[in-house]
Amino acid sequence: MTRRLDDARILMYSHDTFGLGHLRRCRTIAHSLVEDYRGLNILIISGATIAGAFDYRARVDFVKIPSVIKLHNGDYTSLDRHIELDETLKMRQSIIRHTAETFKPDIFIVDKEPMGLRGEVEETLTYLKAHGTTLVLGLREVMDAPHLLEAEWKRRDTMRKIEQYYDTIWVYGPPDFYDPLTELEVPPAVRERMNFVGFLQRSVPREELPGHKPEGDYILVTTGGGGDGADLIHDFIHAYQQDPGLTHKALVVLGPYMPVKKREKLIRKGSKIPHIKIIEFDNRMEELIAGAKGVVAMGGYNTYCEILSFDKPALIVPRIQPREEQLIRARRASELGLIDMLLPEEAEDPLRFAAALKALPQRAPPSKSCANGLRLEGLVHISEIVGGWLGEQSSEHLSIVKKSS
């Protein structure tokens, strides 16, 4: 039910250095909240180069900060190569702080990076905490391999800072799927603040665009942002080349961050196969996944939520480095019978990949394999939590006004 709130404000932070996952997750949460609460305004701070390529509902907007790119070796560089990284980070930090001071949010939600990229959010967290803003850390259900995450967080003293700043931690998954802080030394105060809200359900846009989806049955192949997706697309096309019996119609979405030379090479290669259509980017992926007979993907968080939301048979070929997040998620989902999985080296075998692709449309959807794995309650739970917080603030404000009058 839609409720009215009096000028409530939520600020969200999405560092966005490599893919689209953080921005798409923030946008999903923001759209759900403004649909539930009419007086709510949400502003998303994003470093995504294509933040403006997505549509935003009324009362949801974004502030673009200078983009920083994460390289395959884990280092960062400014998108504008003429500006030093340190200068770019100073600009980002200043914009974030100034936005918070001007916007005056009731709630500040930070996606995945507790202190932001290279600590750029810590100053803003200090400011907002002193001004009574509710501070929320949102974590994927899988962050990374425990030993990698522990080393990274110890180096940055992250766990202590989480305890110092954050009022609550939302885990975007159910507790029986995976614990993002498993095997880490978690202070009791941090553990008590963790709330496993559930996976974030996706829905198709209200207005369909004519000619947006292919006609007839098709398999959808998606690499998310595409920055590290070229190998999957290459292996997919190779499977079609080596097995003439593979005739499923396929729509391949490369992703906006795929390097130009790799993108052009794959488009040329795929154009020789009549069953394959390749596009570079689509800002309405929910619609494409909802219409597909099956999905081939690397298994990032958003794609996985979409596979569950639209109950689609899926074949996941996860990225295994430098982060193991996709691998851990795919293995756990495979254990539960929700998806099929091939390791990247297995997908390099064209006949093995072709056999998995042939079987995909006949695979039982996730709901038939594991009913428990389809709990997509995250948006509902977040709405209830936010409504409770803002409703209390609204009641307190009303009480103060009545007393003063």
Protein backbone atom coordinates (compact mmCIF):
# COMPACT_ATOMS: atom_id res chain seq x y z
CA MET A 1 0.00 0.00 0.00
CA THR A 2 1.31 3.45 -0.91
CA ARG A 3 1.90 5.67 2.10
CA ARG A 4 2.54 9.37 2.35
CA LEU A 5 5.71 10.63 4.00
CA ASP A 6 6.52 14.29 4.56
CA ASP A 7 9.60 15.18 2.54
CA ALA A 8 11.60 12.09 3.53
CA ARG A 9 14.98 11.74 1.84
CA ILE A 10 17.30 8.83 1.18
CA LEU A 11 20.81 9.18 -0.22
CA MET A 12 22.45 6.14 -1.81
CA TYR A 13 26.11 5.62 -2.73
CA SER A 14 27.26 3.33 -5.55
CA HIS A 15 30.99 3.47 -6.27
CA ASP A 16 30.75 1.72 -9.70
CA THR A 17 34.26 1.10 -10.98
CA PHE A 18 33.89 -1.97 -13.17
CA GLY A 19 30.36 -3.15 -13.92
CA LEU A 20 26.74 -2.13 -13.55
CA GLY A 21 25.81 -4.26 -10.56
CA HIS A 22 25.97 -1.62 -7.85
CA LEU A 23 24.00 1.04 -9.73
CA ARG A 24 21.35 -1.45 -10.89
CA ARG A 25 20.90 -2.74 -7.32
CA CYS A 26 20.57 0.80 -5.92
CA ARG A 27 18.15 1.75 -8.67
CA THR A 28 15.99 -1.32 -8.01
CA ILE A 29 15.74 -0.49 -4.30
CA ALA A 30 15.06 3.19 -5.01
CA HIS A 31 12.27 2.48 -7.50
CA SER A 32 10.59 0.07 -5.10
CA LEU A 33 10.70 2.56 -2.23
CA VAL A 34 9.28 5.54 -4.13
CA GLU A 35 6.48 3.30 -5.37
CA ASP A 36 5.61 2.44 -1.77
CA TYR A 37 6.04 5.93 -0.26
CA ARG A 38 4.72 9.00 -2.07
CA GLY A 39 6.56 11.64 -0.03
CA LEU A 40 9.97 10.01 -0.47
CA ASN A 41 12.81 11.44 -2.58
CA ILE A 42 15.92 9.40 -3.38
CA LEU A 43 19.24 10.56 -4.77
CA ILE A 44 21.85 8.04 -5.98
CA ILE A 45 25.52 9.00 -6.09
CA SER A 46 27.13 6.95 -8.84
CA GLY A 47 30.47 6.66 -10.57
CA ALA A 48 29.04 4.62 -13.47
CA THR A 49 30.00 6.10 -16.83
CA ILE A 50 26.57 5.29 -18.24
CA ALA A 51 24.42 6.17 -15.22
CA GLY A 52 22.37 8.43 -17.51
CA ALA A 53 21.56 5.59 -19.92
CA PHE A 54 18.94 4.21 -17.52
CA ASP A 55 15.51 5.62 -16.92
CA TYR A 56 14.57 6.74 -13.40
CA ARG A 57 11.14 6.99 -11.84
CA ALA A 58 9.79 10.26 -10.53
CA ARG A 59 11.47 11.27 -7.26
CA VAL A 60 14.57 9.20 -8.05
CA ASP A 61 17.58 11.03 -9.46
CA PHE A 62 21.35 10.59 -9.56
CA VAL A 63 24.49 12.61 -9.06
CA LYS A 64 27.34 11.57 -11.33
CA ILE A 65 30.81 11.65 -9.77
CA PRO A 66 33.99 11.38 -11.91
CA SER A 67 34.46 7.82 -13.10
CA VAL A 68 37.25 5.55 -11.90
CA ILE A 69 37.96 2.31 -13.72
CA LYS A 70 39.02 -0.90 -12.02
CA LEU A 71 41.65 -2.75 -14.04
CA HIS A 72 41.86 -6.53 -14.31
CA ASN A 73 44.80 -6.59 -11.89
CA GLY A 74 42.70 -4.85 -9.23
CA ASP A 75 44.31 -1.42 -9.57
CA TYR A 76 42.31 1.72 -10.35
CA THR A 77 42.76 4.53 -12.85
CA SER A 78 40.81 7.67 -13.75
CA LEU A 79 38.53 7.41 -16.76
CA ASP A 80 40.09 10.65 -17.95
CA ARG A 81 43.72 9.59 -18.35
CA HIS A 82 44.82 13.26 -18.22
CA ILE A 83 43.77 13.52 -14.57
CA GLU A 84 45.72 11.76 -11.83
CA LEU A 85 43.83 9.20 -9.76
CA ASP A 86 44.44 11.13 -6.53
CA GLU A 87 42.89 14.26 -8.05
CA THR A 88 39.86 12.29 -9.25
CA LEU A 89 39.39 10.75 -5.80
CA LYS A 90 39.57 14.19 -4.15
CA MET A 91 36.86 15.47 -6.54
CA ARG A 92 34.66 12.45 -5.82
CA GLN A 93 35.08 12.81 -2.07
CA SER A 94 34.23 16.53 -2.21
CA ILE A 95 31.11 15.98 -4.35
CA ILE A 96 29.88 13.18 -2.08
CA ARG A 97 30.32 15.30 1.06
CA HIS A 98 28.75 18.40 -0.52
CA THR A 99 25.79 16.38 -1.83
CA ALA A 100 25.15 14.96 1.64
CA GLU A 101 25.35 18.40 3.26
CA THR A 102 22.92 19.91 0.74
CA PHE A 103 20.49 17.00 0.41
CA LYS A 104 20.27 16.36 4.18
CA PRO A 105 19.16 12.70 3.98
CA ASP A 106 17.21 10.89 6.68
CA ILE A 107 18.87 7.63 5.59
CA PHE A 108 22.21 7.02 3.84
CA ILE A 109 22.62 3.61 2.14
CA VAL A 110 26.13 2.58 1.07
CA ASP A 111 26.38 -0.28 -1.43
CA LYS A 112 29.04 -2.95 -0.79
CA GLU A 113 32.11 -0.79 -0.07
CA PRO A 114 31.78 0.17 3.63
CA MET A 115 34.08 3.21 3.41
CA GLY A 116 33.63 3.77 -0.31
CA LEU A 117 36.33 3.64 -2.96
CA ARG A 118 39.69 4.26 -1.24
CA GLY A 119 37.82 5.54 1.84
CA GLU A 120 36.07 8.37 -0.02
CA VAL A 121 32.82 8.03 1.99
CA GLU A 122 34.29 7.99 5.51
CA GLU A 123 34.27 11.77 5.89
CA THR A 124 30.62 11.87 4.81
CA LEU A 125 29.72 9.06 7.22
CA THR A 126 31.28 11.06 10.07
CA TYR A 127 29.31 14.15 9.09
CA LEU A 128 25.96 12.37 8.68
CA LYS A 129 26.33 10.35 11.88
CA ALA A 130 26.85 13.59 13.80
CA HIS A 131 23.65 14.93 12.25
CA GLY A 132 21.48 11.94 13.15
CA THR A 133 21.20 10.28 9.74
CA THR A 134 20.50 6.54 9.83
CA LEU A 135 23.50 4.82 8.20
CA VAL A 136 22.95 1.56 6.32
CA LEU A 137 25.53 -0.75 4.76
CA GLY A 138 24.12 -2.97 2.01
CA LEU A 139 26.07 -6.16 1.24
CA ARG A 140 25.61 -8.74 -1.50
CA GLU A 141 24.85 -12.19 -0.17
CA VAL A 142 28.31 -13.17 -1.47
CA MET A 143 31.16 -10.68 -1.20
CA ASP A 144 34.23 -12.75 -2.07
CA ALA A 145 36.23 -15.75 -0.92
CA PRO A 146 36.63 -15.37 2.87
CA HIS A 147 40.43 -15.29 2.82
CA LEU A 148 40.47 -12.55 0.17
CA LEU A 149 37.83 -10.43 1.91
CA GLU A 150 39.47 -10.85 5.31
CA ALA A 151 42.86 -9.72 3.99
CA GLU A 152 41.34 -6.71 2.24
CA TRP A 153 39.29 -5.61 5.24
CA LYS A 154 42.12 -6.13 7.75
CA ARG A 155 44.41 -3.96 5.63
CA ARG A 156 41.82 -1.16 5.71
CA ASP A 157 40.60 -1.71 9.29
CA THR A 158 37.14 -2.08 7.77
CA MET A 159 35.41 -4.21 10.40
CA ARG A 160 36.17 -1.73 13.19
CA LYS A 161 34.88 1.13 11.04
CA ILE A 162 31.67 -0.74 10.22
CA GLU A 163 31.04 -1.12 13.95
CA GLN A 164 31.88 2.56 14.49
CA TYR A 165 29.64 4.05 11.82
CA TYR A 166 26.79 1.83 10.68
CA ASP A 167 23.45 1.47 12.44
CA THR A 168 22.42 -1.58 10.44
CA ILE A 169 23.68 -3.94 7.74
CA TRP A 170 21.35 -5.27 5.07
CA VAL A 171 22.39 -8.53 3.44
CA TYR A 172 20.66 -8.88 0.08
CA GLY A 173 19.94 -12.58 0.37
CA PRO A 174 18.36 -15.17 2.71
CA PRO A 175 20.45 -16.50 5.63
CA ASP A 176 20.34 -20.10 4.40
CA PHE A 177 21.85 -19.26 1.00
CA TYR A 178 25.19 -17.75 2.04
CA ASP A 179 26.67 -15.54 4.75
CA PRO A 180 28.86 -12.79 3.21
CA LEU A 181 31.01 -12.61 6.36
CA THR A 182 31.46 -16.35 6.82
CA GLU A 183 34.82 -17.35 8.32
CA LEU A 184 35.63 -13.73 9.23
CA GLU A 185 36.14 -12.50 12.79
CA VAL A 186 32.93 -10.52 13.22
CA PRO A 187 32.43 -8.49 16.41
CA PRO A 188 29.16 -9.34 18.22
CA ALA A 189 27.92 -5.76 17.72
CA VAL A 190 28.36 -6.07 13.94
CA ARG A 191 26.73 -9.49 13.83
CA GLU A 192 23.73 -8.17 15.77
CA ARG A 193 23.21 -5.43 13.21
CA MET A 194 23.09 -7.84 10.26
CA ASN A 195 19.65 -8.26 8.71
CA PHE A 196 19.29 -10.84 5.93
CA VAL A 197 16.51 -9.13 3.99
CA GLY A 198 16.41 -11.61 1.07
CA PHE A 199 17.04 -11.45 -2.66
CA LEU A 200 15.77 -8.39 -4.52
CA GLN A 201 12.89 -9.29 -6.82
CA ARG A 202 12.82 -7.79 -10.31
CA SER A 203 9.87 -6.95 -12.53
CA VAL A 204 9.42 -5.93 -16.14
CA PRO A 205 8.93 -2.23 -16.97
CA ARG A 206 5.30 -1.15 -17.03
CA GLU A 207 5.48 0.03 -20.63
CA GLU A 208 6.88 -2.39 -23.20
CA LEU A 209 8.76 -0.93 -26.14
CA PRO A 210 7.63 -2.24 -29.54
CA GLY A 211 10.24 -4.44 -31.17
CA HIS A 212 12.30 -4.46 -28.00
CA LYS A 213 12.33 -8.25 -27.57
CA PRO A 214 13.07 -10.76 -30.35
CA GLU A 215 10.05 -12.58 -31.74
CA GLY A 216 9.74 -16.29 -31.03
CA ASP A 217 11.78 -18.42 -28.64
CA TYR A 218 15.35 -17.42 -27.84
CA ILE A 219 18.18 -18.02 -25.41
CA LEU A 220 19.57 -14.88 -23.80
CA VAL A 221 23.31 -14.57 -23.26
CA THR A 222 24.41 -11.74 -20.97
CA THR A 223 27.74 -10.71 -19.46
CA GLY A 224 26.41 -7.92 -17.24
CA GLY A 225 28.63 -4.88 -17.71
CA GLY A 226 30.76 -6.88 -20.14
CA GLY A 227 34.16 -5.68 -18.97
CA ASP A 228 35.31 -9.26 -18.44
CA GLY A 229 32.72 -11.08 -20.54
CA ALA A 230 34.54 -11.52 -23.88
CA ASP A 231 35.73 -15.06 -23.11
CA LEU A 232 32.20 -16.29 -22.40
CA ILE A 233 30.86 -14.83 -25.66
CA HIS A 234 33.82 -16.24 -27.61
CA ASP A 235 33.23 -19.72 -26.18
CA PHE A 236 29.48 -19.44 -26.84
CA ILE A 237 30.00 -18.58 -30.50
CA HIS A 238 32.66 -21.30 -30.81
CA ALA A 239 30.15 -23.88 -29.57
CA TYR A 240 27.77 -22.89 -32.38
CA GLN A 241 30.61 -23.10 -34.89
CA GLN A 242 31.65 -26.59 -33.85
CA ASP A 243 28.21 -28.18 -33.43
CA PRO A 244 25.88 -27.77 -36.43
CA GLY A 245 23.10 -29.36 -34.38
CA LEU A 246 23.01 -26.32 -32.13
CA THR A 247 20.25 -24.27 -33.72
CA HIS A 248 18.62 -22.42 -30.82
CA LYS A 249 17.97 -18.78 -31.65
CA ALA A 250 20.18 -16.68 -29.37
CA LEU A 251 20.31 -13.02 -28.38
CA VAL A 252 23.72 -11.98 -27.09
CA VAL A 253 24.11 -8.76 -25.06
CA LEU A 254 27.79 -7.84 -24.85
CA GLY A 255 27.59 -5.14 -22.17
CA PRO A 256 28.65 -1.49 -22.38
CA TYR A 257 32.07 -1.97 -20.75
CA MET A 258 33.42 -4.61 -23.12
CA PRO A 259 36.65 -3.32 -24.72
CA VAL A 260 36.07 -1.99 -28.23
CA LYS A 261 38.46 -4.32 -30.05
CA LYS A 262 37.02 -7.42 -28.38
CA ARG A 263 33.48 -6.20 -29.04
CA GLU A 264 34.13 -5.63 -32.75
CA LYS A 265 35.83 -9.01 -33.11
CA LEU A 266 32.91 -10.84 -31.50
CA ILE A 267 30.34 -8.99 -33.58
CA ARG A 268 32.18 -9.99 -36.78
CA LYS A 269 32.48 -13.59 -35.59
CA GLY A 270 28.84 -13.86 -34.50
CA SER A 271 27.48 -12.29 -37.69
CA LYS A 272 28.51 -15.43 -39.60
CA ILE A 273 26.08 -17.59 -37.62
CA PRO A 274 22.41 -17.06 -38.63
CA HIS A 275 21.05 -18.26 -35.27
CA ILE A 276 22.88 -15.57 -33.27
CA LYS A 277 21.99 -11.90 -32.93
CA ILE A 278 24.41 -9.65 -31.05
CA ILE A 279 23.63 -6.28 -29.48
CA GLU A 280 25.95 -4.11 -27.42
CA PHE A 281 23.70 -2.89 -24.61
CA ASP A 282 20.12 -2.81 -23.41
CA ASN A 283 18.83 -0.80 -20.45
CA ARG A 284 15.77 -3.05 -20.06
CA MET A 285 17.42 -6.38 -19.32
CA GLU A 286 14.51 -7.47 -17.15
CA GLU A 287 12.30 -7.55 -20.22
CA LEU A 288 14.79 -9.60 -22.22
CA ILE A 289 15.27 -12.15 -19.43
CA ALA A 290 11.52 -12.42 -18.84
CA GLY A 291 10.99 -13.32 -22.52
CA ALA A 292 13.82 -15.85 -22.82
CA LYS A 293 13.51 -19.65 -22.84
CA GLY A 294 16.79 -19.86 -20.95
CA VAL A 295 19.65 -17.66 -19.78
CA VAL A 296 23.40 -18.06 -20.18
CA ALA A 297 25.32 -15.72 -17.87
CA MET A 298 28.33 -15.18 -15.66
CA GLY A 299 26.10 -15.04 -12.61
CA GLY A 300 26.54 -11.61 -11.08
CA TYR A 301 24.11 -10.67 -8.33
CA ASN A 302 21.57 -8.78 -10.44
CA THR A 303 21.40 -11.39 -13.20
CA TYR A 304 20.94 -14.11 -10.59
CA CYS A 305 18.04 -12.21 -9.01
CA GLU A 306 16.47 -11.81 -12.45
CA ILE A 307 16.83 -15.51 -13.19
CA LEU A 308 14.99 -16.31 -9.95
CA SER A 309 12.43 -13.51 -10.37
CA PHE A 310 11.36 -14.70 -13.82
CA ASP A 311 11.95 -18.38 -13.00
CA LYS A 312 14.22 -19.09 -15.97
CA PRO A 313 16.38 -22.15 -16.68
CA ALA A 314 19.96 -20.92 -16.44
CA LEU A 315 23.47 -22.00 -17.34
CA ILE A 316 26.10 -20.07 -15.39
CA VAL A 317 29.76 -19.76 -16.42
CA PRO A 318 31.16 -17.72 -13.52
CA ARG A 319 34.16 -15.44 -13.40
CA ILE A 320 36.74 -17.01 -11.09
CA GLN A 321 39.27 -14.17 -10.71
CA PRO A 322 40.27 -11.72 -9.34
CA ARG A 323 37.16 -12.10 -7.16
CA GLU A 324 35.48 -15.45 -6.49
CA GLU A 325 32.02 -14.01 -5.78
CA GLN A 326 30.40 -15.40 -8.95
CA LEU A 327 32.01 -18.81 -8.47
CA ILE A 328 30.78 -19.10 -4.87
CA ARG A 329 27.26 -18.01 -5.84
CA ALA A 330 27.12 -20.40 -8.81
CA ARG A 331 28.35 -23.36 -6.77
CA ARG A 332 25.83 -22.72 -4.02
CA ALA A 333 22.97 -22.27 -6.50
CA SER A 334 24.05 -25.43 -8.31
CA GLU A 335 24.08 -27.36 -5.03
CA LEU A 336 20.48 -26.27 -4.48
CA GLY A 337 19.52 -27.34 -8.00
CA LEU A 338 18.62 -23.80 -9.06
CA ILE A 339 21.00 -23.54 -12.02
CA ASP A 340 23.46 -25.54 -14.11
CA MET A 341 27.11 -24.49 -14.02
CA LEU A 342 30.18 -24.83 -16.20
CA LEU A 343 33.58 -23.63 -15.09
CA PRO A 344 35.31 -21.35 -17.63
CA GLU A 345 37.76 -24.11 -18.63
CA GLU A 346 34.82 -26.48 -19.21
CA ALA A 347 33.08 -23.90 -21.41
CA GLU A 348 36.22 -23.70 -23.52
CA ASP A 349 35.36 -27.21 -24.78
CA PRO A 350 32.93 -26.32 -27.59
CA LEU A 351 31.18 -29.67 -27.69
CA ARG A 352 30.68 -29.77 -23.93
CA PHE A 353 29.33 -26.21 -24.02
CA ALA A 354 27.08 -27.09 -26.97
CA ALA A 355 25.62 -30.08 -25.11
CA ALA A 356 24.81 -27.88 -22.11
CA LEU A 357 23.21 -25.28 -24.39
CA LYS A 358 21.06 -27.88 -26.14
CA ALA A 359 19.76 -29.09 -22.78
CA LEU A 360 19.11 -25.61 -21.38
CA PRO A 361 15.57 -24.89 -22.74
CA GLN A 362 14.34 -28.25 -21.41
CA ARG A 363 15.84 -27.73 -17.97
CA ALA A 364 13.32 -27.39 -15.14
CA PRO A 365 13.00 -23.79 -13.92
CA PRO A 366 14.37 -22.91 -10.47
CA SER A 367 10.91 -23.13 -8.87
CA LYS A 368 10.68 -26.82 -9.78
CA SER A 369 14.15 -27.60 -8.46
CA CYS A 370 14.21 -25.82 -5.11
CA ALA A 371 11.19 -23.91 -3.89
CA ASN A 372 13.10 -22.49 -0.92
CA GLY A 373 15.62 -20.86 -3.23
CA LEU A 374 12.98 -18.60 -4.73
CA ARG A 375 12.42 -16.41 -1.69
CA LEU A 376 12.61 -12.93 -3.15
CA GLU A 377 11.54 -10.86 -0.19
CA GLY A 378 14.26 -8.22 -0.10
CA LEU A 379 12.32 -5.27 -1.49
CA VAL A 380 9.32 -5.98 0.74
CA HIS A 381 11.48 -6.22 3.85
CA ILE A 382 13.45 -3.08 2.99
CA SER A 383 10.20 -1.18 2.45
CA GLU A 384 8.89 -2.31 5.84
CA ILE A 385 12.13 -1.31 7.58
CA VAL A 386 12.34 2.10 5.90
CA GLY A 387 8.64 2.77 6.51
CA GLY A 388 9.12 2.02 10.19
CA TRP A 389 12.09 4.36 10.49
CA LEU A 390 10.60 7.24 8.54
CA GLY A 391 7.18 6.75 10.11
CA GLU A 392 8.72 7.11 13.57
CA GLN A 393 10.61 10.23 12.48
CA SER A 394 7.43 11.68 11.01
CA SER A 395 5.53 10.99 14.24
CA GLU A 396 8.29 12.58 16.32
CA HIS A 397 8.28 15.63 14.04
CA LEU A 398 4.49 15.94 14.34
CA SER A 399 4.73 15.69 18.12
CA ILE A 400 7.35 18.45 18.25
CA VAL A 401 5.23 20.69 16.01
CA LYS A 402 2.15 20.17 18.23
CA LYS A 403 4.12 20.94 21.40
CA SER A 404 5.65 24.09 19.88
CA SER A 405 2.23 25.32 18.82
